[in-house]
Amino acid sequence: MLTEEITQDDSTGAYRTIINAIVTQKLAPSQKVSENIISDMFGFSRAISRNLIERLIAKQFLVSISPRVTQVAPLTLLEIKQNFMLRNMLLPEIVSLAAAKTDFDAVHKLNSEIQNIFPIENDDDALKVLKSNKQVNMLLCEQAGYPLMLEWMNQLEDTAMRIYWLYVKANKSFPYLTEQHTATFDIIKSEEPGRISAVIHDMIAQTEERILNTIFSHPQFYTQDLKV
């Protein structure tokens, strides 16, 4: 199942359930949403649904078109380029700050778990890979000591999951190899900001190129909103 088992008072679990639905396009880009739609689809109370909509608008995963119309945020080439640009600006700096205190045992364990999921055979596998990849990136950032930067990175990584979903669904694979991750971790362990910055910039650039090539080479993406 793509949704998660939660209780009515588990607001964090409810939030993650909706994010997962946006990532997997169960709630598709530009789809209209409302308290009733959220409540009917996921079994949340109206109060929880209303709170989720407000929270997701604040995080820009939903957009308010008018007082009566709310939609899932669009997913276009502009959103993709903006996400890569911002992560390219923030991620090298945050990882460099956190490197000395990063738990690399936990990072390598997660990286191994990602490898064990391949090959990607269904939507559940795809979502597991994306969630685990996000966990890896957040582990590399979490010891930086700046809560606001971590909040920004968390939001950017959730949007990155939406973007990577396009690639995974089109190619049944991930935009970079686990071995690339491992080599990158070794450089991050060096705690040398220049080397860390260079390797992360390179990985982000390669990933952006592969995703854009996938979008341009698959006719299913020849619409303003990128849907699979």
C-alpha atoms as a PDB file:
ATOM      1  CA  MET A   1       0.000   0.000   0.000  1.00  0.00           C
ATOM      2  CA  LEU A   2       1.228   3.533  -0.755  1.00  0.00           C
ATOM      3  CA  THR A   3      -0.566   5.025   2.223  1.00  0.00           C
ATOM      4  CA  GLU A   4       0.715   4.539   5.763  1.00  0.00           C
ATOM      5  CA  GLU A   5      -1.105   3.175   8.790  1.00  0.00           C
ATOM      6  CA  ILE A   6      -1.781   6.114  11.089  1.00  0.00           C
ATOM      7  CA  THR A   7      -4.058   7.133  13.912  1.00  0.00           C
ATOM      8  CA  GLN A   8      -6.400  10.094  13.715  1.00  0.00           C
ATOM      9  CA  ASP A   9      -4.232  12.133  16.111  1.00  0.00           C
ATOM     10  CA  ASP A  10      -0.965  11.356  14.290  1.00  0.00           C
ATOM     11  CA  SER A  11      -0.587  14.597  12.352  1.00  0.00           C
ATOM     12  CA  THR A  12       2.958  13.770  11.231  1.00  0.00           C
ATOM     13  CA  GLY A  13       1.849  10.428   9.818  1.00  0.00           C
ATOM     14  CA  ALA A  14      -1.116  12.082   8.090  1.00  0.00           C
ATOM     15  CA  TYR A  15       1.167  14.722   6.578  1.00  0.00           C
ATOM     16  CA  ARG A  16       3.577  12.053   5.273  1.00  0.00           C
ATOM     17  CA  THR A  17       0.662  10.101   3.812  1.00  0.00           C
ATOM     18  CA  ILE A  18      -0.419  13.111   1.752  1.00  0.00           C
ATOM     19  CA  ILE A  19       3.170  13.867   0.699  1.00  0.00           C
ATOM     20  CA  ASN A  20       3.523  10.252  -0.449  1.00  0.00           C
ATOM     21  CA  ALA A  21       0.292  10.594  -2.436  1.00  0.00           C
ATOM     22  CA  ILE A  22       1.621  13.771  -4.095  1.00  0.00           C
ATOM     23  CA  VAL A  23       4.977  12.107  -4.844  1.00  0.00           C
ATOM     24  CA  THR A  24       3.341   9.044  -6.425  1.00  0.00           C
ATOM     25  CA  GLN A  25       0.732  11.207  -8.188  1.00  0.00           C
ATOM     26  CA  LYS A  26      -2.156   9.520  -6.463  1.00  0.00           C
ATOM     27  CA  LEU A  27      -2.833  13.218  -5.991  1.00  0.00           C
ATOM     28  CA  ALA A  28      -1.661  14.394  -9.414  1.00  0.00           C
ATOM     29  CA  PRO A  29      -0.100  17.768 -10.263  1.00  0.00           C
ATOM     30  CA  SER A  30      -2.771  20.492 -10.527  1.00  0.00           C
ATOM     31  CA  GLN A  31      -5.502  18.136  -9.273  1.00  0.00           C
ATOM     32  CA  LYS A  32      -8.213  19.880  -7.285  1.00  0.00           C
ATOM     33  CA  VAL A  33      -8.294  18.995  -3.583  1.00  0.00           C
ATOM     34  CA  SER A  34     -10.633  19.833  -0.736  1.00  0.00           C
ATOM     35  CA  GLU A  35     -11.413  18.738   2.814  1.00  0.00           C
ATOM     36  CA  ASN A  36     -14.000  16.312   1.431  1.00  0.00           C
ATOM     37  CA  ILE A  37     -11.607  14.836  -1.140  1.00  0.00           C
ATOM     38  CA  ILE A  38      -8.834  14.335   1.431  1.00  0.00           C
ATOM     39  CA  SER A  39     -11.271  12.913   3.950  1.00  0.00           C
ATOM     40  CA  ASP A  40     -12.842  10.502   1.446  1.00  0.00           C
ATOM     41  CA  MET A  41      -9.538   9.334  -0.059  1.00  0.00           C
ATOM     42  CA  PHE A  42      -7.596   8.796   3.163  1.00  0.00           C
ATOM     43  CA  GLY A  43     -10.213   8.429   5.893  1.00  0.00           C
ATOM     44  CA  PHE A  44      -9.114  11.494   7.859  1.00  0.00           C
ATOM     45  CA  SER A  45     -11.552  13.638   9.805  1.00  0.00           C
ATOM     46  CA  ARG A  46     -12.604  16.972   8.299  1.00  0.00           C
ATOM     47  CA  ALA A  47     -10.594  18.796  10.983  1.00  0.00           C
ATOM     48  CA  ILE A  48      -7.408  16.869  10.178  1.00  0.00           C
ATOM     49  CA  SER A  49      -8.014  17.313   6.444  1.00  0.00           C
ATOM     50  CA  ARG A  50      -8.438  21.064   6.872  1.00  0.00           C
ATOM     51  CA  ASN A  51      -5.238  21.271   8.952  1.00  0.00           C
ATOM     52  CA  LEU A  52      -3.330  19.253   6.359  1.00  0.00           C
ATOM     53  CA  ILE A  53      -4.467  21.503   3.519  1.00  0.00           C
ATOM     54  CA  GLU A  54      -3.362  24.617   5.406  1.00  0.00           C
ATOM     55  CA  ARG A  55      -0.006  23.052   6.245  1.00  0.00           C
ATOM     56  CA  LEU A  56       0.607  21.831   2.698  1.00  0.00           C
ATOM     57  CA  ILE A  57      -0.254  25.252   1.254  1.00  0.00           C
ATOM     58  CA  ALA A  58       2.311  26.792   3.616  1.00  0.00           C
ATOM     59  CA  LYS A  59       4.895  24.257   2.362  1.00  0.00           C
ATOM     60  CA  GLN A  60       3.865  24.922  -1.275  1.00  0.00           C
ATOM     61  CA  PHE A  61       2.814  21.346  -2.019  1.00  0.00           C
ATOM     62  CA  LEU A  62      -0.729  22.664  -2.468  1.00  0.00           C
ATOM     63  CA  VAL A  63      -1.615  26.037  -3.978  1.00  0.00           C
ATOM     64  CA  SER A  64      -4.692  28.150  -3.301  1.00  0.00           C
ATOM     65  CA  ILE A  65      -6.120  29.308  -6.626  1.00  0.00           C
ATOM     66  CA  SER A  66      -9.063  31.127  -5.052  1.00  0.00           C
ATOM     67  CA  PRO A  67     -10.949  31.050  -1.730  1.00  0.00           C
ATOM     68  CA  ARG A  68     -12.869  28.027  -3.034  1.00  0.00           C
ATOM     69  CA  VAL A  69     -10.241  26.227  -5.132  1.00  0.00           C
ATOM     70  CA  THR A  70      -7.078  24.489  -3.958  1.00  0.00           C
ATOM     71  CA  GLN A  71      -4.892  22.355  -6.181  1.00  0.00           C
ATOM     72  CA  VAL A  72      -1.842  20.133  -5.915  1.00  0.00           C
ATOM     73  CA  ALA A  73       1.188  22.245  -6.790  1.00  0.00           C
ATOM     74  CA  PRO A  74       2.135  21.966 -10.472  1.00  0.00           C
ATOM     75  CA  LEU A  75       5.153  19.959 -11.555  1.00  0.00           C
ATOM     76  CA  THR A  76       6.745  21.564 -14.578  1.00  0.00           C
ATOM     77  CA  LEU A  77      10.241  22.044 -15.986  1.00  0.00           C
ATOM     78  CA  LEU A  78      10.432  25.334 -14.083  1.00  0.00           C
ATOM     79  CA  GLU A  79       9.816  23.565 -10.747  1.00  0.00           C
ATOM     80  CA  ILE A  80      12.434  20.961 -11.615  1.00  0.00           C
ATOM     81  CA  LYS A  81      15.098  23.491 -12.543  1.00  0.00           C
ATOM     82  CA  GLN A  82      14.336  25.570  -9.453  1.00  0.00           C
ATOM     83  CA  ASN A  83      14.617  22.533  -7.165  1.00  0.00           C
ATOM     84  CA  PHE A  84      17.975  21.486  -8.585  1.00  0.00           C
ATOM     85  CA  MET A  85      19.285  25.047  -8.409  1.00  0.00           C
ATOM     86  CA  LEU A  86      18.342  25.458  -4.744  1.00  0.00           C
ATOM     87  CA  ARG A  87      19.685  22.059  -3.701  1.00  0.00           C
ATOM     88  CA  ASN A  88      22.887  22.836  -5.591  1.00  0.00           C
ATOM     89  CA  MET A  89      23.229  26.000  -3.510  1.00  0.00           C
ATOM     90  CA  LEU A  90      22.381  24.515  -0.116  1.00  0.00           C
ATOM     91  CA  LEU A  91      23.341  20.841  -0.028  1.00  0.00           C
ATOM     92  CA  PRO A  92      27.152  21.171  -0.404  1.00  0.00           C
ATOM     93  CA  GLU A  93      27.319  23.768   2.376  1.00  0.00           C
ATOM     94  CA  ILE A  94      25.095  21.871   4.793  1.00  0.00           C
ATOM     95  CA  VAL A  95      26.841  18.535   4.213  1.00  0.00           C
ATOM     96  CA  SER A  96      30.242  20.190   4.728  1.00  0.00           C
ATOM     97  CA  LEU A  97      29.076  21.653   8.041  1.00  0.00           C
ATOM     98  CA  ALA A  98      27.688  18.296   9.193  1.00  0.00           C
ATOM     99  CA  ALA A  99      30.479  16.002   7.929  1.00  0.00           C
ATOM    100  CA  ALA A 100      32.503  15.756  11.135  1.00  0.00           C
ATOM    101  CA  LYS A 101      29.487  14.551  13.154  1.00  0.00           C
ATOM    102  CA  THR A 102      27.692  12.452  10.520  1.00  0.00           C
ATOM    103  CA  ASP A 103      26.814   8.866  11.475  1.00  0.00           C
ATOM    104  CA  PHE A 104      28.279   7.122   8.434  1.00  0.00           C
ATOM    105  CA  ASP A 105      27.380   3.674   9.770  1.00  0.00           C
ATOM    106  CA  ALA A 106      23.708   4.679   9.557  1.00  0.00           C
ATOM    107  CA  VAL A 107      24.291   6.223   6.119  1.00  0.00           C
ATOM    108  CA  HIS A 108      25.915   3.062   4.739  1.00  0.00           C
ATOM    109  CA  LYS A 109      23.192   0.891   6.246  1.00  0.00           C
ATOM    110  CA  LEU A 110      20.504   2.903   4.460  1.00  0.00           C
ATOM    111  CA  ASN A 111      22.507   2.813   1.253  1.00  0.00           C
ATOM    112  CA  SER A 112      22.631  -0.987   1.478  1.00  0.00           C
ATOM    113  CA  GLU A 113      18.876  -1.109   2.067  1.00  0.00           C
ATOM    114  CA  ILE A 114      18.365   0.886  -1.133  1.00  0.00           C
ATOM    115  CA  GLN A 115      20.488  -1.632  -3.038  1.00  0.00           C
ATOM    116  CA  ASN A 116      18.385  -4.490  -1.668  1.00  0.00           C
ATOM    117  CA  ILE A 117      15.196  -2.954  -3.078  1.00  0.00           C
ATOM    118  CA  PHE A 118      16.430  -3.173  -6.685  1.00  0.00           C
ATOM    119  CA  PRO A 119      15.167  -4.055  -9.212  1.00  0.00           C
ATOM    120  CA  ILE A 120      12.250  -1.659  -8.951  1.00  0.00           C
ATOM    121  CA  GLU A 121       9.245  -3.780  -9.894  1.00  0.00           C
ATOM    122  CA  ASN A 122       6.264  -1.806  -8.599  1.00  0.00           C
ATOM    123  CA  ASP A 123       5.125   1.485  -7.068  1.00  0.00           C
ATOM    124  CA  ASP A 124       5.815   0.307  -3.524  1.00  0.00           C
ATOM    125  CA  ASP A 125       9.449  -0.424  -4.417  1.00  0.00           C
ATOM    126  CA  ALA A 126       9.774   2.944  -6.155  1.00  0.00           C
ATOM    127  CA  LEU A 127       8.443   4.806  -3.138  1.00  0.00           C
ATOM    128  CA  LYS A 128      10.714   2.866  -0.752  1.00  0.00           C
ATOM    129  CA  VAL A 129      13.757   3.819  -2.808  1.00  0.00           C
ATOM    130  CA  LEU A 130      12.781   7.487  -2.876  1.00  0.00           C
ATOM    131  CA  LYS A 131      12.069   7.612   0.857  1.00  0.00           C
ATOM    132  CA  SER A 132      15.334   5.844   1.704  1.00  0.00           C
ATOM    133  CA  ASN A 133      17.295   8.161  -0.588  1.00  0.00           C
ATOM    134  CA  LYS A 134      15.763  11.159   1.145  1.00  0.00           C
ATOM    135  CA  GLN A 135      16.706   9.657   4.525  1.00  0.00           C
ATOM    136  CA  VAL A 136      20.308   9.323   3.355  1.00  0.00           C
ATOM    137  CA  ASN A 137      20.458  12.966   2.298  1.00  0.00           C
ATOM    138  CA  MET A 138      18.874  14.158   5.540  1.00  0.00           C
ATOM    139  CA  LEU A 139      21.308  12.034   7.585  1.00  0.00           C
ATOM    140  CA  LEU A 140      24.147  13.782   5.779  1.00  0.00           C
ATOM    141  CA  CYS A 141      22.634  17.149   6.759  1.00  0.00           C
ATOM    142  CA  GLU A 142      21.173  16.646  10.227  1.00  0.00           C
ATOM    143  CA  GLN A 143      24.294  17.483  12.259  1.00  0.00           C
ATOM    144  CA  ALA A 144      24.831  20.850  10.580  1.00  0.00           C
ATOM    145  CA  GLY A 145      23.263  22.626  13.553  1.00  0.00           C
ATOM    146  CA  TYR A 146      20.972  25.018  11.694  1.00  0.00           C
ATOM    147  CA  PRO A 147      17.298  24.002  12.089  1.00  0.00           C
ATOM    148  CA  LEU A 148      16.011  26.443   9.467  1.00  0.00           C
ATOM    149  CA  MET A 149      18.399  25.094   6.820  1.00  0.00           C
ATOM    150  CA  LEU A 150      17.313  21.553   7.684  1.00  0.00           C
ATOM    151  CA  GLU A 151      13.663  22.573   7.292  1.00  0.00           C
ATOM    152  CA  TRP A 152      14.442  24.009   3.856  1.00  0.00           C
ATOM    153  CA  MET A 153      16.333  20.860   2.876  1.00  0.00           C
ATOM    154  CA  ASN A 154      13.473  18.658   4.050  1.00  0.00           C
ATOM    155  CA  GLN A 155      11.048  20.580   1.844  1.00  0.00           C
ATOM    156  CA  LEU A 156      13.427  20.492  -1.136  1.00  0.00           C
ATOM    157  CA  GLU A 157      13.970  16.745  -0.696  1.00  0.00           C
ATOM    158  CA  ASP A 158      10.219  16.106  -0.673  1.00  0.00           C
ATOM    159  CA  THR A 159       9.959  18.013  -3.939  1.00  0.00           C
ATOM    160  CA  ALA A 160      12.954  16.083  -5.281  1.00  0.00           C
ATOM    161  CA  MET A 161      11.011  12.875  -4.584  1.00  0.00           C
ATOM    162  CA  ARG A 162       8.243  14.170  -6.875  1.00  0.00           C
ATOM    163  CA  ILE A 163      10.844  14.782  -9.589  1.00  0.00           C
ATOM    164  CA  TYR A 164      12.672  11.462  -9.175  1.00  0.00           C
ATOM    165  CA  TRP A 165       9.338   9.640  -9.356  1.00  0.00           C
ATOM    166  CA  LEU A 166       9.140  10.613 -13.041  1.00  0.00           C
ATOM    167  CA  TYR A 167      12.519   9.041 -13.748  1.00  0.00           C
ATOM    168  CA  VAL A 168      11.878   5.891 -11.706  1.00  0.00           C
ATOM    169  CA  LYS A 169       8.517   5.261 -13.359  1.00  0.00           C
ATOM    170  CA  ALA A 170       9.907   5.833 -16.851  1.00  0.00           C
ATOM    171  CA  ASN A 171      13.132   3.836 -16.438  1.00  0.00           C
ATOM    172  CA  LYS A 172      12.489   1.370 -13.583  1.00  0.00           C
ATOM    173  CA  SER A 173      15.804   2.505 -12.110  1.00  0.00           C
ATOM    174  CA  PHE A 174      17.320   5.342 -10.066  1.00  0.00           C
ATOM    175  CA  PRO A 175      19.145   8.307 -11.668  1.00  0.00           C
ATOM    176  CA  TYR A 176      22.474   7.336 -10.072  1.00  0.00           C
ATOM    177  CA  LEU A 177      24.085   4.154  -8.851  1.00  0.00           C
ATOM    178  CA  THR A 178      24.526   3.052  -5.234  1.00  0.00           C
ATOM    179  CA  GLU A 179      28.260   2.842  -5.968  1.00  0.00           C
ATOM    180  CA  GLN A 180      28.243   6.561  -6.751  1.00  0.00           C
ATOM    181  CA  HIS A 181      26.691   7.178  -3.362  1.00  0.00           C
ATOM    182  CA  THR A 182      29.388   5.107  -1.650  1.00  0.00           C
ATOM    183  CA  ALA A 183      32.215   6.977  -3.399  1.00  0.00           C
ATOM    184  CA  THR A 184      30.577  10.275  -2.449  1.00  0.00           C
ATOM    185  CA  PHE A 185      30.369   9.239   1.218  1.00  0.00           C
ATOM    186  CA  ASP A 186      34.111   8.526   1.239  1.00  0.00           C
ATOM    187  CA  ILE A 187      34.807  12.053   0.038  1.00  0.00           C
ATOM    188  CA  ILE A 188      32.406  13.544   2.605  1.00  0.00           C
ATOM    189  CA  LYS A 189      34.294  11.660   5.333  1.00  0.00           C
ATOM    190  CA  SER A 190      37.423  13.579   4.335  1.00  0.00           C
ATOM    191  CA  GLU A 191      35.801  16.713   5.820  1.00  0.00           C
ATOM    192  CA  GLU A 192      37.413  18.796   3.067  1.00  0.00           C
ATOM    193  CA  PRO A 193      34.829  21.423   2.023  1.00  0.00           C
ATOM    194  CA  GLY A 194      36.281  21.914  -1.444  1.00  0.00           C
ATOM    195  CA  ARG A 195      36.181  18.198  -2.337  1.00  0.00           C
ATOM    196  CA  ILE A 196      32.725  17.788  -0.754  1.00  0.00           C
ATOM    197  CA  SER A 197      31.348  20.731  -2.707  1.00  0.00           C
ATOM    198  CA  ALA A 198      32.801  19.481  -5.987  1.00  0.00           C
ATOM    199  CA  VAL A 199      31.474  15.918  -5.678  1.00  0.00           C
ATOM    200  CA  ILE A 200      27.972  17.013  -4.620  1.00  0.00           C
ATOM    201  CA  HIS A 201      27.754  19.620  -7.391  1.00  0.00           C
ATOM    202  CA  ASP A 202      28.809  16.924  -9.864  1.00  0.00           C
ATOM    203  CA  MET A 203      26.230  14.406  -8.608  1.00  0.00           C
ATOM    204  CA  ILE A 204      23.423  16.981  -8.701  1.00  0.00           C
ATOM    205  CA  ALA A 205      24.399  18.066 -12.231  1.00  0.00           C
ATOM    206  CA  GLN A 206      24.473  14.462 -13.486  1.00  0.00           C
ATOM    207  CA  THR A 207      21.127  13.705 -11.874  1.00  0.00           C
ATOM    208  CA  GLU A 208      19.482  16.804 -13.354  1.00  0.00           C
ATOM    209  CA  GLU A 209      20.804  15.920 -16.824  1.00  0.00           C
ATOM    210  CA  ARG A 210      19.495  12.344 -16.620  1.00  0.00           C
ATOM    211  CA  ILE A 211      16.076  13.432 -15.435  1.00  0.00           C
ATOM    212  CA  LEU A 212      15.730  16.143 -18.091  1.00  0.00           C
ATOM    213  CA  ASN A 213      16.852  13.693 -20.795  1.00  0.00           C
ATOM    214  CA  THR A 214      14.168  11.273 -19.606  1.00  0.00           C
ATOM    215  CA  ILE A 215      11.495  13.971 -19.731  1.00  0.00           C
ATOM    216  CA  PHE A 216      12.494  15.118 -23.223  1.00  0.00           C
ATOM    217  CA  SER A 217      12.704  11.573 -24.606  1.00  0.00           C
ATOM    218  CA  HIS A 218       9.327  10.263 -23.369  1.00  0.00           C
ATOM    219  CA  PRO A 219       6.211  11.526 -25.199  1.00  0.00           C
ATOM    220  CA  GLN A 220       4.092  10.967 -22.087  1.00  0.00           C
ATOM    221  CA  PHE A 221       5.756  14.061 -20.601  1.00  0.00           C
ATOM    222  CA  TYR A 222       4.831  16.362 -23.493  1.00  0.00           C
ATOM    223  CA  THR A 223       2.392  18.338 -21.346  1.00  0.00           C
ATOM    224  CA  GLN A 224       2.927  21.319 -19.079  1.00  0.00           C
ATOM    225  CA  ASP A 225       2.325  19.245 -15.941  1.00  0.00           C
ATOM    226  CA  LEU A 226       4.622  16.227 -15.888  1.00  0.00           C
ATOM    227  CA  LYS A 227       2.448  13.232 -15.114  1.00  0.00           C
ATOM    228  CA  VAL A 228       3.012   9.472 -15.229  1.00  0.00           C
END
